[in-house]
Protein backbone atom coordinates (compact mmCIF):
# COMPACT_ATOMS: atom_id res chain seq x y z
CA UNK A 1 10.65 11.59 33.17
CA UNK A 2 11.09 7.92 32.12
CA UNK A 3 10.65 6.79 28.53
CA UNK A 4 6.97 6.04 27.99
CA UNK A 5 4.61 5.80 25.04
CA UNK A 6 1.52 6.86 26.98
CA UNK A 7 1.48 10.29 25.32
CA UNK A 8 2.91 9.24 21.92
CA UNK A 9 0.11 8.98 19.36
CA UNK A 10 0.10 6.78 16.27
CA UNK A 11 0.13 8.83 13.09
CA UNK A 12 1.59 11.96 14.68
CA UNK A 13 4.86 13.64 13.71
CA UNK A 14 7.82 13.73 16.10
CA UNK A 15 11.39 14.98 15.89
CA UNK A 16 14.25 13.60 17.93
CA UNK A 17 14.54 16.87 19.93
CA UNK A 18 10.81 16.70 20.74
CA UNK A 19 11.08 13.12 21.95
CA UNK A 20 14.21 13.90 23.93
CA UNK A 21 12.36 16.69 25.75
CA UNK A 22 9.31 14.47 26.38
CA UNK A 23 11.47 11.71 27.81
CA UNK A 24 13.75 13.92 29.89
CA UNK A 25 17.01 13.54 27.94
CA UNK A 26 19.49 16.42 28.17
CA UNK A 27 20.22 16.13 24.44
CA UNK A 28 18.60 14.46 21.46
CA UNK A 29 21.98 12.87 20.72
CA UNK A 30 20.83 10.06 23.00
CA UNK A 31 18.30 9.20 20.30
CA UNK A 32 20.62 9.64 17.32
CA UNK A 33 21.09 5.96 16.49
CA UNK A 34 18.80 3.94 14.27
CA UNK A 35 18.05 1.55 17.11
CA UNK A 36 17.67 2.97 20.60
CA UNK A 37 17.24 0.80 23.70
CA UNK A 38 16.64 3.07 26.73
CA UNK A 39 18.08 1.60 29.92
CA UNK A 40 15.72 -0.02 32.43
CA UNK A 41 12.85 -0.16 29.92
CA UNK A 42 11.35 -2.94 27.79
CA UNK A 43 11.51 -0.72 24.71
CA UNK A 44 13.43 -1.16 21.47
CA UNK A 45 12.90 1.99 19.40
CA UNK A 46 13.53 1.93 15.64
CA UNK A 47 14.24 5.24 13.89
CA UNK A 48 14.10 4.45 10.17
CA UNK A 49 14.86 6.95 7.39
CA UNK A 50 14.21 5.77 3.84
CA UNK A 51 16.31 8.41 2.06
CA UNK A 52 19.40 8.87 4.18
CA UNK A 53 22.15 11.46 4.04
CA UNK A 54 24.85 10.36 1.56
CA UNK A 55 27.64 10.12 4.16
CA UNK A 56 25.67 7.73 6.42
CA UNK A 57 25.55 3.92 6.06
CA UNK A 58 23.06 3.14 3.29
CA UNK A 59 20.99 0.35 4.81
CA UNK A 60 18.47 -1.40 2.58
CA UNK A 61 15.14 -0.52 4.22
CA UNK A 62 11.62 -0.82 2.79
CA UNK A 63 8.27 0.01 4.38
CA UNK A 64 5.01 -0.63 2.57
CA UNK A 65 1.47 -1.34 3.73
CA UNK A 66 2.44 -2.13 7.30
CA UNK A 67 5.39 -4.40 6.42
CA UNK A 68 8.89 -3.20 7.34
CA UNK A 69 12.02 -4.90 5.96
CA UNK A 70 15.36 -3.54 7.19
CA UNK A 71 19.03 -4.22 7.57
CA UNK A 72 20.26 -4.48 11.13
CA UNK A 73 23.14 -2.40 12.43
CA UNK A 74 26.60 -3.04 10.99
CA UNK A 75 27.96 -3.85 14.46
CA UNK A 76 25.08 -6.26 15.27
CA UNK A 77 24.74 -4.72 18.76
CA UNK A 78 20.93 -4.92 18.86
CA UNK A 79 20.39 -8.10 16.82
CA UNK A 80 19.90 -10.49 19.74
CA UNK A 81 17.58 -8.20 21.64
CA UNK A 82 15.37 -7.68 18.58
CA UNK A 83 15.25 -11.43 17.89
CA UNK A 84 14.36 -12.26 21.50
CA UNK A 85 11.96 -9.35 22.06
CA UNK A 86 8.73 -11.35 22.00
CA UNK A 87 10.04 -14.08 24.29
CA UNK A 88 11.18 -11.67 27.03
CA UNK A 89 8.31 -9.19 26.78
CA UNK A 90 10.16 -6.34 25.07
CA UNK A 91 8.25 -3.97 22.78
CA UNK A 92 9.57 -2.77 19.41
CA UNK A 93 8.31 0.68 18.36
CA UNK A 94 8.67 2.33 14.96
CA UNK A 95 9.35 5.94 14.02
CA UNK A 96 9.64 6.22 10.23
CA UNK A 97 10.25 9.03 7.74
CA UNK A 98 10.77 9.09 4.00
CA UNK A 99 13.62 11.62 3.99
CA UNK A 100 16.28 12.92 6.33
CA UNK A 101 15.73 16.24 8.13
CA UNK A 102 11.98 15.61 8.18
CA UNK A 103 9.92 14.68 11.25
CA UNK A 104 9.35 11.01 11.95
CA UNK A 105 5.85 9.52 11.98
CA UNK A 106 5.07 7.17 14.85
CA UNK A 107 3.59 3.90 13.56
CA UNK A 108 3.19 2.04 16.83
CA UNK A 109 4.44 -1.38 17.82
CA UNK A 110 6.16 -3.84 15.50
CA UNK A 111 6.12 -7.63 15.53
CA UNK A 112 9.12 -9.54 14.16
CA UNK A 113 8.01 -12.12 11.57
CA UNK A 114 11.28 -13.15 9.90
CA UNK A 115 15.00 -12.65 10.36
CA UNK A 116 18.30 -13.83 8.91
CA UNK A 117 21.43 -13.61 11.03
CA UNK A 118 24.59 -12.52 9.27
CA UNK A 119 28.16 -12.09 10.55
CA UNK A 120 30.00 -10.29 7.75
CA UNK A 121 27.16 -7.94 6.79
CA UNK A 122 24.01 -6.54 8.45
CA UNK A 123 21.42 -9.07 9.56
CA UNK A 124 18.04 -8.85 7.86
CA UNK A 125 14.72 -8.32 9.68
CA UNK A 126 11.09 -8.29 8.64
CA UNK A 127 8.33 -6.82 10.83
CA UNK A 128 4.62 -6.11 10.62
CA UNK A 129 2.92 -3.16 12.26
CA UNK A 130 0.65 -4.09 15.17
CA UNK A 131 -2.96 -4.22 13.94
CA UNK A 132 -4.72 -4.45 17.32
CA UNK A 133 -5.79 -0.81 17.31
CA UNK A 134 -7.47 -0.99 13.92
CA UNK A 135 -10.67 -2.68 14.98
CA UNK A 136 -11.11 -0.34 17.95
CA UNK A 137 -10.63 2.86 15.95
CA UNK A 138 -13.04 1.73 13.25
CA UNK A 139 -15.70 1.12 15.89
CA UNK A 140 -15.40 4.34 17.87
CA UNK A 141 -15.08 6.71 14.90
CA UNK A 142 -18.05 9.08 14.63
CA UNK A 143 -19.91 9.81 11.42
CA UNK A 144 -18.28 12.17 8.94
CA UNK A 145 -20.32 15.28 9.85
CA UNK A 146 -17.93 17.02 12.21
CA UNK A 147 -14.87 19.22 12.26
CA UNK A 148 -12.27 16.64 13.27
CA UNK A 149 -9.61 16.10 10.64
CA UNK A 150 -10.52 12.43 10.19
CA UNK A 151 -14.17 13.43 9.57
CA UNK A 152 -13.13 15.98 6.96
CA UNK A 153 -10.99 13.35 5.27
CA UNK A 154 -13.85 10.84 5.42
CA UNK A 155 -15.96 13.27 3.38
CA UNK A 156 -13.19 13.30 0.76
CA UNK A 157 -12.62 9.54 0.90
CA UNK A 158 -16.22 8.42 0.34
CA UNK A 159 -16.53 9.84 -3.22
CA UNK A 160 -13.23 8.13 -4.07
CA UNK A 161 -14.58 4.83 -2.75
CA UNK A 162 -17.79 5.32 -4.72
CA UNK A 163 -15.71 5.79 -7.86
CA UNK A 164 -13.91 2.53 -7.07
CA UNK A 165 -17.18 0.69 -6.40
CA UNK A 166 -18.66 1.80 -9.73
CA UNK A 167 -15.42 0.77 -11.48
CA UNK A 168 -15.51 -2.51 -9.48
CA UNK A 169 -11.93 -2.06 -8.33
CA UNK A 170 -10.45 -2.57 -4.89
CA UNK A 171 -7.90 -0.14 -3.47
CA UNK A 172 -4.91 -0.64 -1.18
CA UNK A 173 -4.48 1.35 2.01
CA UNK A 174 -1.30 2.82 0.53
CA UNK A 175 -2.98 3.92 -2.70
CA UNK A 176 -5.92 5.53 -0.90
CA UNK A 177 -3.57 7.32 1.48
CA UNK A 178 -1.60 8.66 -1.48
CA UNK A 179 -4.75 9.95 -3.19
CA UNK A 180 -5.83 11.65 0.04
CA UNK A 181 -2.39 13.17 0.53
CA UNK A 182 -1.77 11.24 3.75
CA UNK A 183 1.76 10.01 4.49
CA UNK A 184 0.70 7.41 7.05
CA UNK A 185 -1.82 4.80 5.82
CA UNK A 186 -2.64 3.81 9.42
CA UNK A 187 -4.47 7.10 9.87
CA UNK A 188 -7.07 5.61 7.51
CA UNK A 189 -8.44 3.54 10.42
CA UNK A 190 -10.45 6.45 11.77
CA UNK A 191 -11.34 7.73 8.31
CA UNK A 192 -12.74 4.39 7.14
CA UNK A 193 -14.43 3.90 10.50
CA UNK A 194 -16.16 7.24 10.02
CA UNK A 195 -17.29 6.21 6.53
CA UNK A 196 -18.67 2.95 7.93
CA UNK A 197 -20.51 4.70 10.77
CA UNK A 198 -22.05 7.18 8.31
CA UNK A 199 -23.32 4.41 6.02
CA UNK A 200 -24.77 2.47 8.95
CA UNK A 201 -26.69 5.53 10.07
CA UNK A 202 -27.89 6.20 6.51
CA UNK A 203 -29.05 2.59 6.23
CA UNK A 204 -31.12 2.98 9.40
CA UNK A 205 -32.66 6.13 7.98
CA UNK A 206 -33.52 4.41 4.69
CA UNK A 207 -34.58 1.17 6.42
CA UNK A 208 -32.20 -0.83 4.25
CA UNK A 209 -28.61 -2.01 4.33
CA UNK A 210 -26.09 0.24 2.61
CA UNK A 211 -23.12 -2.05 1.85
CA UNK A 212 -19.92 -1.28 3.78
CA UNK A 213 -17.94 0.36 1.00
CA UNK A 214 -14.85 0.61 3.22
CA UNK A 215 -14.29 -3.11 2.57
CA UNK A 216 -12.88 -2.07 -0.82
CA UNK A 217 -9.71 -0.94 0.94
CA UNK A 218 -7.28 -3.83 1.32
CA UNK A 219 -3.85 -4.62 2.64
CA UNK A 220 -1.40 -4.89 -0.25
CA UNK A 221 0.35 -7.89 1.27
CA UNK A 222 -2.66 -10.01 2.29
CA UNK A 223 -5.15 -8.79 -0.30
CA UNK A 224 -7.71 -8.52 2.51
CA UNK A 225 -9.19 -5.65 4.51
CA UNK A 226 -7.90 -4.95 8.01
CA UNK A 227 -8.57 -6.89 11.19
CA UNK A 228 -11.44 -4.64 12.22
CA UNK A 229 -13.27 -5.51 9.01
CA UNK A 230 -12.69 -9.21 9.63
CA UNK A 231 -14.28 -8.92 13.06
CA UNK A 232 -17.29 -6.96 11.86
CA UNK A 233 -17.93 -9.55 9.14
CA UNK A 234 -17.48 -12.65 11.23
CA UNK A 235 -18.39 -11.46 14.72
CA UNK A 236 -15.87 -10.33 17.31
CA UNK A 237 -13.32 -12.94 18.28
CA UNK A 238 -14.32 -15.23 15.43
CA UNK A 239 -12.06 -13.86 12.69
CA UNK A 240 -8.88 -14.89 14.50
CA UNK A 241 -9.90 -18.56 14.28
CA UNK A 242 -10.69 -18.40 10.55
CA UNK A 243 -8.25 -19.46 7.86
CA UNK A 244 -7.42 -17.32 4.84
CA UNK A 245 -9.91 -18.99 2.48
CA UNK A 246 -12.75 -18.48 4.95
CA UNK A 247 -11.86 -14.81 5.30
CA UNK A 248 -11.63 -14.42 1.52
CA UNK A 249 -15.06 -15.97 1.09
CA UNK A 250 -16.60 -13.53 3.58
CA UNK A 251 -14.87 -10.51 2.04
CA UNK A 252 -15.76 -11.51 -1.53
CA UNK A 253 -19.42 -11.90 -0.58
CA UNK A 254 -19.39 -8.43 0.98
CA UNK A 255 -17.60 -6.95 -2.03
CA UNK A 256 -20.18 -8.47 -4.36
CA UNK A 257 -22.85 -6.44 -2.56
CA UNK A 258 -20.71 -3.29 -2.72
CA UNK A 259 -20.09 -3.65 -6.47
CA UNK A 260 -23.71 -4.41 -7.31
CA UNK A 261 -25.29 -1.70 -5.15
CA UNK A 262 -27.11 0.69 -7.52
CA UNK A 263 -27.54 3.66 -5.19
CA UNK A 264 -24.00 4.95 -4.71
CA UNK A 265 -24.68 8.22 -6.60
CA UNK A 266 -27.81 8.67 -4.47
CA UNK A 267 -25.75 8.06 -1.31
CA UNK A 268 -23.45 10.92 -2.25
CA UNK A 269 -26.34 13.27 -3.04
CA UNK A 270 -28.10 12.46 0.23
CA UNK A 271 -24.93 13.14 2.20
CA UNK A 272 -24.32 16.39 0.34
CA UNK A 273 -21.14 15.13 -1.32
CA UNK A 274 -20.10 15.56 -4.94
CA UNK A 275 -18.65 12.78 -7.10
CA UNK A 276 -14.93 12.97 -7.77
CA UNK A 277 -14.03 15.03 -10.80
CA UNK A 278 -13.53 13.21 -14.12
CA UNK A 279 -10.04 11.84 -14.28
CA UNK A 280 -7.69 13.93 -16.43
CA UNK A 281 -10.24 13.95 -19.26
CA UNK A 282 -8.23 16.26 -21.53
CA UNK A 283 -5.10 14.17 -21.18
CA UNK A 284 -7.04 10.99 -21.93
CA UNK A 285 -8.41 12.60 -25.09
CA UNK A 286 -4.87 13.48 -26.16
CA UNK A 287 -3.75 9.95 -25.40
CA UNK A 288 -6.35 8.64 -27.84
CA UNK A 289 -4.45 10.21 -30.76
CA UNK A 290 -2.19 8.20 -32.98
CA UNK A 291 1.37 7.74 -31.92
CA UNK A 292 4.36 5.84 -33.13
CA UNK A 293 7.97 6.29 -34.09
CA UNK A 294 9.39 2.93 -33.06
CA UNK A 295 11.10 1.78 -29.91
CA UNK A 296 13.53 4.17 -28.23
CA UNK A 297 16.88 2.97 -26.81
CA UNK A 298 15.65 3.92 -23.30
CA UNK A 299 12.51 1.79 -23.67
CA UNK A 300 14.50 -1.16 -25.01
CA UNK A 301 17.02 -0.94 -22.18
CA UNK A 302 14.32 -0.82 -19.49
CA UNK A 303 12.36 -3.66 -21.10
CA UNK A 304 15.44 -5.90 -21.25
CA UNK A 305 16.39 -5.00 -17.68
CA UNK A 306 12.96 -6.00 -16.36
CA UNK A 307 13.04 -9.26 -18.31
CA UNK A 308 16.37 -10.15 -16.64
CA UNK A 309 15.25 -9.04 -13.17
CA UNK A 310 11.90 -10.57 -12.13
CA UNK A 311 12.47 -9.15 -8.65
CA UNK A 312 11.91 -5.67 -10.14
CA UNK A 313 8.20 -6.54 -10.46
CA UNK A 314 7.91 -8.35 -7.14
CA UNK A 315 8.67 -11.87 -8.36
CA UNK A 316 11.32 -14.20 -7.01
CA UNK A 317 14.73 -14.13 -8.68
CA UNK A 318 14.26 -17.83 -9.37
CA UNK A 319 11.25 -17.05 -11.58
CA UNK A 320 13.59 -16.99 -14.57
CA UNK A 321 13.90 -14.58 -17.43
CA UNK A 322 10.76 -12.97 -18.82
CA UNK A 323 9.77 -13.29 -22.46
CA UNK A 324 9.98 -10.04 -24.41
CA UNK A 325 7.67 -8.99 -27.26
CA UNK A 326 5.26 -11.82 -26.40
CA UNK A 327 2.38 -11.97 -28.91
CA UNK A 328 -1.22 -12.24 -27.67
CA UNK A 329 -4.18 -13.64 -29.66
CA UNK A 330 -5.44 -10.05 -30.00
CA UNK A 331 -2.34 -9.18 -32.00
CA UNK A 332 -0.89 -7.10 -29.17
CA UNK A 333 2.75 -7.49 -28.23
CA UNK A 334 3.66 -7.53 -24.54
CA UNK A 335 6.87 -5.82 -23.50
CA UNK A 336 7.60 -8.60 -20.99
CA UNK A 337 5.73 -11.69 -19.82
CA UNK A 338 6.60 -13.90 -16.86
CA UNK A 339 4.79 -17.25 -16.83
CA UNK A 340 4.32 -19.85 -14.14
CA UNK A 341 1.77 -22.63 -13.69
CA UNK A 342 -0.34 -20.48 -11.36
CA UNK A 343 0.25 -16.90 -12.53
CA UNK A 344 1.01 -14.89 -15.66
CA UNK A 345 2.52 -11.45 -15.09
CA UNK A 346 2.29 -9.06 -18.04
CA UNK A 347 4.53 -6.00 -17.93
CA UNK A 348 4.17 -2.79 -19.90
CA UNK A 349 7.25 -0.56 -19.77
CA UNK A 350 7.47 3.22 -20.01
CA UNK A 351 10.93 4.76 -19.77
CA UNK A 352 11.85 7.98 -17.98
CA UNK A 353 11.28 9.99 -21.17
CA UNK A 354 7.57 9.03 -21.41
CA UNK A 355 5.11 11.91 -20.97
CA UNK A 356 1.69 11.86 -19.28
CA UNK A 357 -0.18 10.80 -22.44
CA UNK A 358 2.19 7.89 -22.99
CA UNK A 359 1.79 6.75 -19.38
CA UNK A 360 -2.01 6.95 -19.75
CA UNK A 361 -1.75 4.69 -22.80
CA UNK A 362 0.34 2.32 -20.70
CA UNK A 363 -2.32 2.16 -17.98
CA UNK A 364 -5.05 1.34 -20.48
CA UNK A 365 -2.80 -1.16 -22.26
CA UNK A 366 -2.42 -2.98 -18.94
CA UNK A 367 -6.21 -3.15 -18.63
CA UNK A 368 -6.39 -4.68 -22.10
CA UNK A 369 -3.57 -7.17 -21.53
CA UNK A 370 -5.12 -8.35 -18.28
CA UNK A 371 -8.51 -8.90 -19.93
CA UNK A 372 -7.07 -10.62 -23.03
CA UNK A 373 -4.87 -13.04 -21.10
CA UNK A 374 -7.69 -13.84 -18.67
CA UNK A 375 -10.07 -14.60 -21.57
CA UNK A 376 -7.44 -16.53 -23.51
CA UNK A 377 -6.46 -18.84 -20.66
CA UNK A 378 -10.10 -19.26 -19.66
CA UNK A 379 -10.95 -20.37 -23.20
CA UNK A 380 -8.40 -23.16 -22.76
CA UNK A 381 -9.86 -24.25 -19.43
CA UNK A 382 -7.16 -22.73 -17.25
CA UNK A 383 -7.85 -20.83 -14.05
CA UNK A 384 -4.78 -18.77 -13.26
CA UNK A 385 -3.98 -15.46 -11.63
CA UNK A 386 -3.32 -12.69 -14.14
CA UNK A 387 -1.34 -9.60 -13.18
CA UNK A 388 -0.72 -6.59 -15.38
CA UNK A 389 1.96 -4.18 -14.19
CA UNK A 390 3.08 -0.83 -15.54
CA UNK A 391 6.78 -0.27 -14.92
CA UNK A 392 7.96 3.33 -15.06
CA UNK A 393 11.48 4.64 -15.35
CA UNK A 394 10.34 7.73 -13.44
CA UNK A 395 7.66 8.67 -10.89
CA UNK A 396 3.95 8.38 -11.70
CA UNK A 397 2.62 11.94 -12.11
CA UNK A 398 0.40 12.87 -9.17
CA UNK A 399 -2.47 13.78 -11.48
CA UNK A 400 -2.58 10.15 -12.72
CA UNK A 401 -2.88 8.53 -9.26
CA UNK A 402 -6.74 8.56 -9.39
CA UNK A 403 -6.68 6.96 -12.86
CA UNK A 404 -4.31 4.25 -11.68
CA UNK A 405 -6.59 3.54 -8.73
CA UNK A 406 -9.84 3.50 -10.71
CA UNK A 407 -8.37 1.11 -13.29
CA UNK A 408 -6.88 -1.12 -10.59
CA UNK A 409 -3.45 -1.23 -12.22
CA UNK A 410 -0.29 -1.91 -10.26
CA UNK A 411 2.41 0.66 -11.03
CA UNK A 412 6.07 0.23 -10.10
CA UNK A 413 7.98 3.50 -10.23
CA UNK A 414 11.59 4.59 -10.68
CA UNK A 415 12.96 1.35 -12.12
CA UNK A 416 16.32 2.03 -13.72
CA UNK A 417 18.09 -0.14 -16.27
CA UNK A 418 21.34 -0.31 -14.36
CA UNK A 419 22.33 -3.91 -14.61
C-alpha cells in the first residue's frame, strides 16, 4: 500500500510501527529518522520529539500554538527539499510528541515561513500548522448534547469560557487545551465549533443573540481567534483580504459583547451545566497571610539571570538588560522590568523552592503590577503595551492552571539560572 494520508486523522495518536503497517513497510525502521521522504511521493514527513533520548542528537525544537521551530538534520540531506517544497508541490506533514517512547500526534500539514541555511551546524526552520481545516470543523460540529468525545469536552469547556468572560480575560488555545487535559490544541476546533453551534441554537430559542463566547480563545502568536472565526465575523472569503487591524477591530467588537453579556450564568443553568468550581479557595486564603524573611539566594540568582537574558521572557536579545528592583508609584518593587518605547514588560520571579501559596501571590502581584503600570503611564499621556509575566524556576502546579487562565497572566516555567 503506498504512503497516503487519506486515513490519517488530525489529532489522533500514531506509533511508527502502526504507520509502517498502514503504509506497507516491512519494518518501522524505514520511519526511524526525524525527516522521512518516501520515494515516489510528494510527502516530507517530520517526526519531532521534544524530549529526546540522551544518546540522540539534541536538536533545538519548539512547538507552541501551531508554530514549529526546529533544527534541520546535521547532514543537511533534507534541507533543500524542505525549502523548495511549496514551489514543487510537496507536502510537509507533522507527527509530534512531547517525550520519547510515547505515541506521536498527527498535526496535519505544515507551511514553511522562515529558514536560515547553515553549513557548519543544523539549518533552522520555522513552520506554521495548516489552518484550512479549522473553519470547516467549526461549522460542521454539532451542538454539545451528544456522546461524541468533542461534545463531552464542549460541555466541560463552556463553563471555563463563562468564567473567562466574567473575568474579562481571553484564553489561548494552548492554555484551554491544558485546562481540558488535551495534548493537541487543534482538537479544540470541533469543541469550540460545538460550543458555537449550541449558543446559536439557544439564541434562536430565546429570540436573541447569545454572543459567540468561543471568540475568547486566541492564537498565542497572532493574538486573534482562528481562521474560522475570522470568516464567521466577516463573511466567508472576506477575512483573507482583511489586514490585521481590520481583523482586530472586528474581534474586539465581538469580545465587547461577550464581556458585557449579563446572562452567562443563565446560559449555563439553561443548558444544565454547572459553573466551574471556585479556584483553589483554601490555598488563596493561605496566600493572604503575612509572609517575609528576605530574598533567598535562589530567588536572587533567578532574578539576575532573567534581567541578563531578555530572551527568557520572549524578548529579543537586543532588548538590553532589565532593571531589577524597579520601584513603582504604588511603592511596589518589581523583580525585573524591561522597557521600550512601545512596551513595558514587568517580571515577577519565583524560584524552584516556591510553594503553591507563594506562586499564587506571584500571580496576583502580576495583576497588580500590570494595573499600576497601565494607570501610571496613562496618567502621563502614554499609550503603551503592558505585559506582566510570572517566571517560575519549576513547573506551574496543575491545580493553579485555572487561576492563571482566569487572571490572564502569562507564566513561563522551568527557567533556570544557568548562565
